[in-house]
Amino acid sequence: MAVGQGALPLAGYCYGSHRYKRLSQTIAFSVLTGIALGLAAWVIVLLFPRLYLRIFTDDPHTIAIGTTFARIYCLAFFVVGFQSPVTLVFMAIKLSPLGMIVMLTRHVLVGTPLMVVLGLTIGTPEAVIAASPIGDLIAASLCVLMSGIAVWHLVRRARLHRAQVLKTAPHSELEMLKALAEDDRA
């Protein structure tokens, strides 16, 4: 979440100033950093669940029970590292509804109903906990789809902006293309 929040102002500025190359670099950096942090958390909790749980409690019974639940719960941590920065970037580029849909899908639309269904059908606590990583995977898949919509939106906006700049510029078309190319390199 912090990676996406850190990228939010820069992504918003790049979007508003039509610096699409810089925007794509910002998005790529935040997504890759989020995935790396998500993978690191995933590996730590999977390999060392007792160490992770000792941060919160010293009770041996809770740690013994919590080890299985922590491993199940964190199965999809790596996709949350992708999903969180992308949904915040949606806000920066004026596509907040896409981000809201992805975030609601994770817990409200999929996670909670799945907990109820798995709890009633399978009936084990492990099945109920498994609803969270399943919801994360479904929300991440939706996030990939929504990212395609966002890319289409950005490409369309960049083309419209370039056409308008070329149309209203007092300079020759060649000078304007050179200026746009320099702006893209910045």
N, C-alpha and C. Protein backbone atom coordinates (compact mmCIF):
# COMPACT_ATOMS: atom_id res chain seq x y z
N MET A 1 0.83 -1.19 0.00
CA MET A 1 0.00 0.00 0.00
C MET A 1 0.87 1.25 0.00
N ALA A 2 1.96 1.24 0.78
CA ALA A 2 2.83 2.41 0.88
C ALA A 2 3.51 2.72 -0.44
N VAL A 3 3.85 1.70 -1.21
CA VAL A 3 4.49 1.91 -2.50
C VAL A 3 3.54 2.66 -3.43
N GLY A 4 2.30 2.23 -3.47
CA GLY A 4 1.31 2.89 -4.31
C GLY A 4 1.04 4.32 -3.86
N GLN A 5 0.99 4.53 -2.54
CA GLN A 5 0.76 5.88 -2.03
C GLN A 5 1.94 6.79 -2.33
N GLY A 6 3.13 6.23 -2.33
CA GLY A 6 4.30 7.02 -2.68
C GLY A 6 4.32 7.41 -4.15
N ALA A 7 3.83 6.53 -5.01
CA ALA A 7 3.82 6.80 -6.45
C ALA A 7 2.64 7.67 -6.87
N LEU A 8 1.64 7.76 -6.03
CA LEU A 8 0.40 8.48 -6.38
C LEU A 8 0.64 9.93 -6.82
N PRO A 9 1.37 10.76 -6.05
CA PRO A 9 1.54 12.15 -6.49
C PRO A 9 2.34 12.27 -7.80
N LEU A 10 3.37 11.45 -7.94
CA LEU A 10 4.18 11.51 -9.15
C LEU A 10 3.37 11.05 -10.37
N ALA A 11 2.60 9.99 -10.20
CA ALA A 11 1.76 9.51 -11.30
C ALA A 11 0.71 10.55 -11.68
N GLY A 12 0.11 11.19 -10.70
CA GLY A 12 -0.88 12.23 -10.97
C GLY A 12 -0.26 13.42 -11.69
N TYR A 13 0.93 13.82 -11.28
CA TYR A 13 1.62 14.93 -11.94
C TYR A 13 1.95 14.57 -13.39
N CYS A 14 2.51 13.38 -13.60
CA CYS A 14 2.88 12.96 -14.96
C CYS A 14 1.64 12.86 -15.85
N TYR A 15 0.56 12.37 -15.30
CA TYR A 15 -0.68 12.26 -16.07
C TYR A 15 -1.18 13.66 -16.46
N GLY A 16 -1.20 14.56 -15.49
CA GLY A 16 -1.71 15.91 -15.74
C GLY A 16 -0.85 16.70 -16.70
N SER A 17 0.46 16.45 -16.70
CA SER A 17 1.37 17.20 -17.58
C SER A 17 1.66 16.46 -18.88
N HIS A 18 0.94 15.39 -19.13
CA HIS A 18 1.05 14.61 -20.37
C HIS A 18 2.44 14.00 -20.56
N ARG A 19 3.09 13.64 -19.49
CA ARG A 19 4.40 12.97 -19.57
C ARG A 19 4.17 11.47 -19.42
N TYR A 20 3.74 10.86 -20.48
CA TYR A 20 3.30 9.48 -20.44
C TYR A 20 4.46 8.48 -20.30
N LYS A 21 5.61 8.84 -20.84
CA LYS A 21 6.76 7.95 -20.68
C LYS A 21 7.16 7.89 -19.20
N ARG A 22 7.20 9.05 -18.56
CA ARG A 22 7.54 9.10 -17.13
C ARG A 22 6.45 8.40 -16.30
N LEU A 23 5.21 8.56 -16.71
CA LEU A 23 4.11 7.88 -16.02
C LEU A 23 4.28 6.37 -16.11
N SER A 24 4.61 5.87 -17.29
CA SER A 24 4.79 4.42 -17.42
C SER A 24 5.98 3.93 -16.60
N GLN A 25 7.03 4.73 -16.49
CA GLN A 25 8.18 4.36 -15.66
C GLN A 25 7.78 4.33 -14.18
N THR A 26 6.99 5.32 -13.76
CA THR A 26 6.53 5.37 -12.38
C THR A 26 5.66 4.17 -12.04
N ILE A 27 4.75 3.83 -12.94
CA ILE A 27 3.87 2.68 -12.72
C ILE A 27 4.69 1.39 -12.67
N ALA A 28 5.61 1.24 -13.61
CA ALA A 28 6.44 0.03 -13.64
C ALA A 28 7.26 -0.10 -12.36
N PHE A 29 7.86 0.99 -11.92
CA PHE A 29 8.67 0.93 -10.70
C PHE A 29 7.83 0.58 -9.48
N SER A 30 6.68 1.22 -9.34
CA SER A 30 5.84 0.95 -8.17
C SER A 30 5.30 -0.48 -8.18
N VAL A 31 4.92 -0.97 -9.36
CA VAL A 31 4.39 -2.33 -9.44
C VAL A 31 5.49 -3.35 -9.15
N LEU A 32 6.67 -3.16 -9.73
CA LEU A 32 7.77 -4.10 -9.49
C LEU A 32 8.21 -4.07 -8.03
N THR A 33 8.25 -2.88 -7.43
CA THR A 33 8.61 -2.78 -6.02
C THR A 33 7.53 -3.45 -5.15
N GLY A 34 6.27 -3.23 -5.48
CA GLY A 34 5.19 -3.86 -4.73
C GLY A 34 5.24 -5.38 -4.83
N ILE A 35 5.51 -5.89 -6.03
CA ILE A 35 5.61 -7.34 -6.21
C ILE A 35 6.79 -7.89 -5.41
N ALA A 36 7.93 -7.19 -5.45
CA ALA A 36 9.11 -7.65 -4.70
C ALA A 36 8.82 -7.69 -3.20
N LEU A 37 8.18 -6.64 -2.69
CA LEU A 37 7.84 -6.63 -1.25
C LEU A 37 6.80 -7.70 -0.91
N GLY A 38 5.83 -7.89 -1.80
CA GLY A 38 4.83 -8.94 -1.58
C GLY A 38 5.46 -10.32 -1.59
N LEU A 39 6.40 -10.55 -2.51
CA LEU A 39 7.10 -11.83 -2.56
C LEU A 39 7.95 -12.05 -1.30
N ALA A 40 8.61 -10.99 -0.85
CA ALA A 40 9.42 -11.09 0.37
C ALA A 40 8.54 -11.45 1.57
N ALA A 41 7.42 -10.77 1.72
CA ALA A 41 6.49 -11.08 2.83
C ALA A 41 5.96 -12.50 2.71
N TRP A 42 5.65 -12.91 1.49
CA TRP A 42 5.13 -14.26 1.23
C TRP A 42 6.15 -15.31 1.66
N VAL A 43 7.40 -15.13 1.26
CA VAL A 43 8.45 -16.09 1.60
C VAL A 43 8.69 -16.13 3.11
N ILE A 44 8.73 -14.96 3.74
CA ILE A 44 8.99 -14.91 5.18
C ILE A 44 7.90 -15.63 5.96
N VAL A 45 6.65 -15.35 5.63
CA VAL A 45 5.55 -15.98 6.37
C VAL A 45 5.46 -17.48 6.07
N LEU A 46 5.70 -17.87 4.83
CA LEU A 46 5.66 -19.30 4.50
C LEU A 46 6.78 -20.08 5.16
N LEU A 47 7.99 -19.51 5.19
CA LEU A 47 9.14 -20.22 5.75
C LEU A 47 9.25 -20.08 7.26
N PHE A 48 8.87 -18.94 7.78
CA PHE A 48 9.04 -18.66 9.21
C PHE A 48 7.74 -18.18 9.85
N PRO A 49 6.68 -18.98 9.82
CA PRO A 49 5.41 -18.50 10.37
C PRO A 49 5.46 -18.28 11.88
N ARG A 50 6.22 -19.10 12.58
CA ARG A 50 6.30 -18.93 14.04
C ARG A 50 6.97 -17.61 14.41
N LEU A 51 8.02 -17.28 13.68
CA LEU A 51 8.70 -16.00 13.92
C LEU A 51 7.75 -14.83 13.64
N TYR A 52 7.01 -14.94 12.58
CA TYR A 52 6.02 -13.91 12.23
C TYR A 52 4.96 -13.78 13.32
N LEU A 53 4.46 -14.91 13.79
CA LEU A 53 3.40 -14.88 14.81
C LEU A 53 3.91 -14.39 16.16
N ARG A 54 5.18 -14.59 16.44
CA ARG A 54 5.73 -14.13 17.72
C ARG A 54 5.77 -12.61 17.81
N ILE A 55 5.64 -11.94 16.69
CA ILE A 55 5.54 -10.48 16.72
C ILE A 55 4.29 -10.07 17.49
N PHE A 56 3.24 -10.90 17.40
CA PHE A 56 1.93 -10.57 17.97
C PHE A 56 1.63 -11.26 19.29
N THR A 57 2.21 -12.44 19.52
CA THR A 57 1.89 -13.18 20.75
C THR A 57 3.03 -14.12 21.12
N ASP A 58 3.09 -14.46 22.41
CA ASP A 58 4.06 -15.44 22.90
C ASP A 58 3.37 -16.74 23.31
N ASP A 59 2.06 -16.79 23.20
CA ASP A 59 1.30 -17.96 23.62
C ASP A 59 1.60 -19.14 22.68
N PRO A 60 2.18 -20.25 23.21
CA PRO A 60 2.55 -21.37 22.34
C PRO A 60 1.35 -22.04 21.65
N HIS A 61 0.21 -22.07 22.33
CA HIS A 61 -0.98 -22.68 21.73
C HIS A 61 -1.46 -21.85 20.53
N THR A 62 -1.49 -20.55 20.68
CA THR A 62 -1.89 -19.66 19.59
C THR A 62 -0.92 -19.77 18.42
N ILE A 63 0.36 -19.84 18.72
CA ILE A 63 1.37 -19.96 17.66
C ILE A 63 1.23 -21.29 16.94
N ALA A 64 0.96 -22.38 17.67
CA ALA A 64 0.80 -23.69 17.04
C ALA A 64 -0.40 -23.70 16.09
N ILE A 65 -1.51 -23.14 16.52
CA ILE A 65 -2.70 -23.09 15.67
C ILE A 65 -2.51 -22.07 14.53
N GLY A 66 -1.91 -20.93 14.86
CA GLY A 66 -1.76 -19.86 13.91
C GLY A 66 -0.79 -20.15 12.77
N THR A 67 0.12 -21.10 12.97
CA THR A 67 1.10 -21.43 11.93
C THR A 67 0.40 -21.88 10.65
N THR A 68 -0.54 -22.79 10.77
CA THR A 68 -1.28 -23.28 9.60
C THR A 68 -2.10 -22.15 8.97
N PHE A 69 -2.78 -21.39 9.81
CA PHE A 69 -3.62 -20.31 9.29
C PHE A 69 -2.79 -19.23 8.61
N ALA A 70 -1.62 -18.89 9.17
CA ALA A 70 -0.77 -17.87 8.56
C ALA A 70 -0.29 -18.32 7.19
N ARG A 71 0.08 -19.59 7.07
CA ARG A 71 0.54 -20.10 5.78
C ARG A 71 -0.58 -20.08 4.74
N ILE A 72 -1.78 -20.44 5.14
CA ILE A 72 -2.91 -20.42 4.20
C ILE A 72 -3.25 -18.99 3.81
N TYR A 73 -3.32 -18.12 4.81
CA TYR A 73 -3.74 -16.74 4.58
C TYR A 73 -2.79 -16.00 3.64
N CYS A 74 -1.50 -16.30 3.73
CA CYS A 74 -0.52 -15.53 2.96
C CYS A 74 -0.22 -16.14 1.60
N LEU A 75 -0.95 -17.16 1.17
CA LEU A 75 -0.66 -17.81 -0.10
C LEU A 75 -0.66 -16.85 -1.29
N ALA A 76 -1.42 -15.80 -1.24
CA ALA A 76 -1.51 -14.87 -2.37
C ALA A 76 -0.95 -13.49 -2.05
N PHE A 77 -0.06 -13.39 -1.07
CA PHE A 77 0.53 -12.10 -0.73
C PHE A 77 1.23 -11.47 -1.93
N PHE A 78 1.84 -12.29 -2.76
CA PHE A 78 2.61 -11.76 -3.88
C PHE A 78 1.73 -11.00 -4.87
N VAL A 79 0.46 -11.39 -5.03
CA VAL A 79 -0.40 -10.66 -5.95
C VAL A 79 -0.92 -9.36 -5.34
N VAL A 80 -0.98 -9.30 -4.03
CA VAL A 80 -1.40 -8.06 -3.38
C VAL A 80 -0.35 -6.98 -3.62
N GLY A 81 0.92 -7.40 -3.74
CA GLY A 81 1.99 -6.46 -4.06
C GLY A 81 1.83 -5.83 -5.42
N PHE A 82 1.14 -6.51 -6.32
CA PHE A 82 0.84 -5.95 -7.64
C PHE A 82 -0.44 -5.13 -7.60
N GLN A 83 -1.42 -5.67 -6.94
CA GLN A 83 -2.76 -5.11 -6.95
C GLN A 83 -2.84 -3.75 -6.25
N SER A 84 -2.17 -3.60 -5.14
CA SER A 84 -2.27 -2.37 -4.36
C SER A 84 -1.72 -1.14 -5.10
N PRO A 85 -0.49 -1.18 -5.65
CA PRO A 85 -0.04 0.01 -6.37
C PRO A 85 -0.88 0.32 -7.61
N VAL A 86 -1.33 -0.70 -8.30
CA VAL A 86 -2.11 -0.47 -9.53
C VAL A 86 -3.43 0.22 -9.20
N THR A 87 -4.10 -0.20 -8.15
CA THR A 87 -5.38 0.43 -7.81
C THR A 87 -5.19 1.89 -7.40
N LEU A 88 -4.08 2.21 -6.76
CA LEU A 88 -3.83 3.60 -6.39
C LEU A 88 -3.44 4.44 -7.61
N VAL A 89 -2.75 3.83 -8.57
CA VAL A 89 -2.44 4.55 -9.80
C VAL A 89 -3.72 4.86 -10.57
N PHE A 90 -4.71 3.97 -10.49
CA PHE A 90 -6.00 4.25 -11.12
C PHE A 90 -6.56 5.59 -10.62
N MET A 91 -6.39 5.86 -9.33
CA MET A 91 -6.87 7.13 -8.79
C MET A 91 -6.10 8.30 -9.39
N ALA A 92 -4.79 8.13 -9.57
CA ALA A 92 -3.96 9.22 -10.08
C ALA A 92 -4.30 9.57 -11.52
N ILE A 93 -4.78 8.61 -12.29
CA ILE A 93 -5.06 8.88 -13.70
C ILE A 93 -6.56 9.02 -13.96
N LYS A 94 -7.29 9.39 -12.94
CA LYS A 94 -8.72 9.67 -13.02
C LYS A 94 -9.56 8.47 -13.44
N LEU A 95 -9.14 7.29 -12.99
CA LEU A 95 -9.92 6.07 -13.21
C LEU A 95 -10.26 5.43 -11.87
N SER A 96 -10.66 6.24 -10.92
CA SER A 96 -10.97 5.77 -9.57
C SER A 96 -11.99 4.64 -9.53
N PRO A 97 -13.03 4.65 -10.37
CA PRO A 97 -13.99 3.54 -10.31
C PRO A 97 -13.34 2.16 -10.55
N LEU A 98 -12.32 2.11 -11.40
CA LEU A 98 -11.64 0.82 -11.63
C LEU A 98 -10.95 0.35 -10.35
N GLY A 99 -10.27 1.26 -9.68
CA GLY A 99 -9.61 0.91 -8.43
C GLY A 99 -10.60 0.48 -7.36
N MET A 100 -11.73 1.17 -7.30
CA MET A 100 -12.75 0.82 -6.32
C MET A 100 -13.32 -0.57 -6.58
N ILE A 101 -13.53 -0.89 -7.85
CA ILE A 101 -14.07 -2.22 -8.19
C ILE A 101 -13.10 -3.31 -7.76
N VAL A 102 -11.80 -3.10 -8.03
CA VAL A 102 -10.80 -4.10 -7.67
C VAL A 102 -10.73 -4.27 -6.15
N MET A 103 -10.71 -3.16 -5.42
CA MET A 103 -10.61 -3.25 -3.96
C MET A 103 -11.86 -3.87 -3.34
N LEU A 104 -13.03 -3.55 -3.87
CA LEU A 104 -14.26 -4.16 -3.36
C LEU A 104 -14.32 -5.64 -3.69
N THR A 105 -13.79 -6.01 -4.84
CA THR A 105 -13.81 -7.42 -5.24
C THR A 105 -13.05 -8.27 -4.24
N ARG A 106 -11.92 -7.75 -3.79
CA ARG A 106 -11.02 -8.54 -2.94
C ARG A 106 -11.71 -9.06 -1.69
N HIS A 107 -12.39 -8.21 -0.95
CA HIS A 107 -12.98 -8.65 0.31
C HIS A 107 -14.51 -8.67 0.31
N VAL A 108 -15.12 -7.68 -0.29
CA VAL A 108 -16.57 -7.54 -0.18
C VAL A 108 -17.31 -8.44 -1.16
N LEU A 109 -16.94 -8.39 -2.43
CA LEU A 109 -17.68 -9.12 -3.45
C LEU A 109 -17.30 -10.60 -3.54
N VAL A 110 -16.05 -10.93 -3.21
CA VAL A 110 -15.60 -12.32 -3.33
C VAL A 110 -15.23 -12.91 -1.97
N GLY A 111 -14.39 -12.21 -1.22
CA GLY A 111 -13.85 -12.76 0.03
C GLY A 111 -14.89 -13.16 1.05
N THR A 112 -15.75 -12.24 1.41
CA THR A 112 -16.75 -12.52 2.45
C THR A 112 -17.77 -13.57 2.01
N PRO A 113 -18.37 -13.45 0.82
CA PRO A 113 -19.30 -14.51 0.40
C PRO A 113 -18.62 -15.88 0.30
N LEU A 114 -17.38 -15.89 -0.14
CA LEU A 114 -16.65 -17.15 -0.25
C LEU A 114 -16.39 -17.76 1.13
N MET A 115 -16.13 -16.92 2.12
CA MET A 115 -15.96 -17.41 3.49
C MET A 115 -17.23 -18.12 3.97
N VAL A 116 -18.36 -17.51 3.68
CA VAL A 116 -19.64 -18.09 4.10
C VAL A 116 -19.88 -19.42 3.37
N VAL A 117 -19.67 -19.41 2.06
CA VAL A 117 -19.91 -20.63 1.26
C VAL A 117 -18.97 -21.76 1.68
N LEU A 118 -17.68 -21.45 1.82
CA LEU A 118 -16.72 -22.49 2.23
C LEU A 118 -16.98 -22.96 3.66
N GLY A 119 -17.39 -22.02 4.51
CA GLY A 119 -17.71 -22.41 5.89
C GLY A 119 -18.91 -23.33 5.96
N LEU A 120 -19.92 -23.08 5.13
CA LEU A 120 -21.11 -23.92 5.14
C LEU A 120 -20.92 -25.25 4.42
N THR A 121 -20.14 -25.26 3.34
CA THR A 121 -19.99 -26.49 2.56
C THR A 121 -18.89 -27.39 3.11
N ILE A 122 -17.70 -26.83 3.33
CA ILE A 122 -16.59 -27.66 3.81
C ILE A 122 -16.58 -27.72 5.33
N GLY A 123 -16.80 -26.58 5.96
CA GLY A 123 -16.99 -26.55 7.40
C GLY A 123 -15.74 -26.54 8.24
N THR A 124 -14.56 -26.43 7.65
CA THR A 124 -13.34 -26.38 8.46
C THR A 124 -12.83 -24.95 8.54
N PRO A 125 -12.14 -24.62 9.61
CA PRO A 125 -11.57 -23.26 9.71
C PRO A 125 -10.57 -22.97 8.58
N GLU A 126 -9.83 -23.98 8.16
CA GLU A 126 -8.86 -23.79 7.09
C GLU A 126 -9.54 -23.37 5.80
N ALA A 127 -10.72 -23.93 5.53
CA ALA A 127 -11.47 -23.57 4.32
C ALA A 127 -11.92 -22.12 4.36
N VAL A 128 -12.32 -21.68 5.54
CA VAL A 128 -12.76 -20.28 5.68
C VAL A 128 -11.58 -19.33 5.47
N ILE A 129 -10.42 -19.68 6.02
CA ILE A 129 -9.23 -18.85 5.85
C ILE A 129 -8.78 -18.85 4.39
N ALA A 130 -8.98 -19.95 3.68
CA ALA A 130 -8.58 -20.06 2.27
C ALA A 130 -9.36 -19.10 1.38
N ALA A 131 -10.46 -18.58 1.85
CA ALA A 131 -11.25 -17.63 1.06
C ALA A 131 -10.45 -16.36 0.77
N SER A 132 -9.58 -15.96 1.67
CA SER A 132 -8.82 -14.73 1.47
C SER A 132 -7.84 -14.83 0.30
N PRO A 133 -6.97 -15.86 0.22
CA PRO A 133 -6.10 -15.93 -0.95
C PRO A 133 -6.85 -16.16 -2.25
N ILE A 134 -7.96 -16.87 -2.19
CA ILE A 134 -8.77 -17.06 -3.41
C ILE A 134 -9.33 -15.71 -3.88
N GLY A 135 -9.83 -14.93 -2.94
CA GLY A 135 -10.32 -13.59 -3.26
C GLY A 135 -9.22 -12.69 -3.80
N ASP A 136 -8.01 -12.81 -3.23
CA ASP A 136 -6.88 -12.03 -3.73
C ASP A 136 -6.54 -12.40 -5.16
N LEU A 137 -6.54 -13.68 -5.48
CA LEU A 137 -6.23 -14.12 -6.84
C LEU A 137 -7.29 -13.66 -7.84
N ILE A 138 -8.55 -13.72 -7.46
CA ILE A 138 -9.62 -13.25 -8.34
C ILE A 138 -9.51 -11.74 -8.54
N ALA A 139 -9.27 -11.01 -7.46
CA ALA A 139 -9.13 -9.55 -7.57
C ALA A 139 -7.91 -9.18 -8.41
N ALA A 140 -6.81 -9.92 -8.28
CA ALA A 140 -5.62 -9.64 -9.09
C ALA A 140 -5.89 -9.89 -10.57
N SER A 141 -6.66 -10.94 -10.86
CA SER A 141 -7.02 -11.20 -12.26
C SER A 141 -7.87 -10.06 -12.81
N LEU A 142 -8.79 -9.58 -12.02
CA LEU A 142 -9.61 -8.44 -12.41
C LEU A 142 -8.74 -7.18 -12.58
N CYS A 143 -7.75 -7.04 -11.73
CA CYS A 143 -6.83 -5.90 -11.79
C CYS A 143 -6.05 -5.91 -13.10
N VAL A 144 -5.64 -7.09 -13.56
CA VAL A 144 -4.95 -7.19 -14.85
C VAL A 144 -5.87 -6.74 -15.97
N LEU A 145 -7.12 -7.17 -15.93
CA LEU A 145 -8.10 -6.75 -16.93
C LEU A 145 -8.31 -5.23 -16.89
N MET A 146 -8.47 -4.70 -15.71
CA MET A 146 -8.67 -3.26 -15.56
C MET A 146 -7.43 -2.47 -16.00
N SER A 147 -6.25 -3.05 -15.82
CA SER A 147 -5.02 -2.40 -16.27
C SER A 147 -5.03 -2.26 -17.79
N GLY A 148 -5.56 -3.26 -18.47
CA GLY A 148 -5.70 -3.16 -19.92
C GLY A 148 -6.59 -1.99 -20.32
N ILE A 149 -7.67 -1.81 -19.59
CA ILE A 149 -8.57 -0.67 -19.85
C ILE A 149 -7.83 0.64 -19.60
N ALA A 150 -7.03 0.68 -18.52
CA ALA A 150 -6.28 1.90 -18.20
C ALA A 150 -5.24 2.21 -19.27
N VAL A 151 -4.56 1.19 -19.76
CA VAL A 151 -3.57 1.42 -20.82
C VAL A 151 -4.26 1.95 -22.08
N TRP A 152 -5.40 1.39 -22.43
CA TRP A 152 -6.16 1.88 -23.58
C TRP A 152 -6.52 3.36 -23.38
N HIS A 153 -6.96 3.71 -22.18
CA HIS A 153 -7.32 5.08 -21.86
C HIS A 153 -6.11 6.01 -22.01
N LEU A 154 -4.96 5.58 -21.51
CA LEU A 154 -3.76 6.42 -21.59
C LEU A 154 -3.28 6.60 -23.03
N VAL A 155 -3.31 5.52 -23.80
CA VAL A 155 -2.88 5.62 -25.20
C VAL A 155 -3.81 6.56 -25.96
N ARG A 156 -5.09 6.44 -25.73
CA ARG A 156 -6.07 7.32 -26.38
C ARG A 156 -5.84 8.78 -25.99
N ARG A 157 -5.62 9.01 -24.70
CA ARG A 157 -5.37 10.38 -24.22
C ARG A 157 -4.08 10.94 -24.83
N ALA A 158 -3.03 10.13 -24.91
CA ALA A 158 -1.76 10.59 -25.49
C ALA A 158 -1.93 10.95 -26.96
N ARG A 159 -2.68 10.14 -27.69
CA ARG A 159 -2.91 10.42 -29.12
C ARG A 159 -3.71 11.71 -29.29
N LEU A 160 -4.73 11.89 -28.48
CA LEU A 160 -5.53 13.11 -28.57
C LEU A 160 -4.70 14.35 -28.24
N HIS A 161 -3.86 14.22 -27.20
CA HIS A 161 -3.02 15.34 -26.81
C HIS A 161 -2.02 15.69 -27.91
N ARG A 162 -1.40 14.69 -28.49
CA ARG A 162 -0.42 14.91 -29.56
C ARG A 162 -1.10 15.57 -30.76
N ALA A 163 -2.29 15.10 -31.11
CA ALA A 163 -3.02 15.68 -32.24
C ALA A 163 -3.38 17.13 -31.97
N GLN A 164 -3.79 17.44 -30.76
CA GLN A 164 -4.15 18.81 -30.41
C GLN A 164 -2.93 19.71 -30.43
N VAL A 165 -1.81 19.23 -29.92
CA VAL A 165 -0.59 20.03 -29.91
C VAL A 165 -0.16 20.34 -31.33
N LEU A 166 -0.20 19.32 -32.18
CA LEU A 166 0.19 19.53 -33.58
C LEU A 166 -0.77 20.46 -34.30
N LYS A 167 -2.05 20.39 -33.95
CA LYS A 167 -3.07 21.20 -34.62
C LYS A 167 -2.96 22.68 -34.23
N THR A 168 -2.69 22.95 -32.97
CA THR A 168 -2.71 24.34 -32.48
C THR A 168 -1.34 25.00 -32.48
N ALA A 169 -0.30 24.29 -32.82
CA ALA A 169 1.05 24.84 -32.73
C ALA A 169 1.32 25.82 -33.88
N PRO A 170 1.96 26.93 -33.58
CA PRO A 170 2.31 27.89 -34.63
C PRO A 170 3.58 27.48 -35.39
N HIS A 171 4.27 26.47 -34.89
CA HIS A 171 5.52 26.03 -35.49
C HIS A 171 5.27 25.07 -36.64
N SER A 172 6.32 24.79 -37.34
CA SER A 172 6.20 23.78 -38.38
C SER A 172 5.99 22.41 -37.74
N GLU A 173 5.46 21.50 -38.48
CA GLU A 173 5.17 20.17 -37.94
C GLU A 173 6.46 19.45 -37.52
N LEU A 174 7.51 19.63 -38.26
CA LEU A 174 8.77 18.99 -37.94
C LEU A 174 9.33 19.50 -36.61
N GLU A 175 9.28 20.82 -36.39
CA GLU A 175 9.75 21.38 -35.12
C GLU A 175 8.90 20.89 -33.96
N MET A 176 7.60 20.76 -34.18
CA MET A 176 6.71 20.31 -33.13
C MET A 176 6.98 18.85 -32.77
N LEU A 177 7.22 18.00 -33.78
CA LEU A 177 7.54 16.60 -33.52
C LEU A 177 8.84 16.47 -32.74
N LYS A 178 9.82 17.31 -33.06
CA LYS A 178 11.07 17.30 -32.31
C LYS A 178 10.84 17.71 -30.86
N ALA A 179 10.02 18.72 -30.65
CA ALA A 179 9.72 19.17 -29.28
C ALA A 179 8.98 18.08 -28.51
N LEU A 180 8.05 17.41 -29.14
CA LEU A 180 7.34 16.31 -28.47
C LEU A 180 8.28 15.16 -28.14
N ALA A 181 9.21 14.86 -29.06
CA ALA A 181 10.17 13.79 -28.81
C ALA A 181 11.07 14.14 -27.64
N GLU A 182 11.50 15.41 -27.54
CA GLU A 182 12.30 15.82 -26.39
C GLU A 182 11.50 15.75 -25.10
N ASP A 183 10.24 16.10 -25.16
CA ASP A 183 9.37 16.02 -23.99
C ASP A 183 9.20 14.58 -23.54
N ASP A 184 9.11 13.65 -24.49
CA ASP A 184 8.98 12.24 -24.14
C ASP A 184 10.24 11.71 -23.47
N ARG A 185 11.41 12.24 -23.83
CA ARG A 185 12.66 11.79 -23.22
C ARG A 185 12.81 12.32 -21.81
N ALA A 186 12.15 13.39 -21.47
CA ALA A 186 12.29 14.01 -20.14
C ALA A 186 11.59 13.22 -19.07
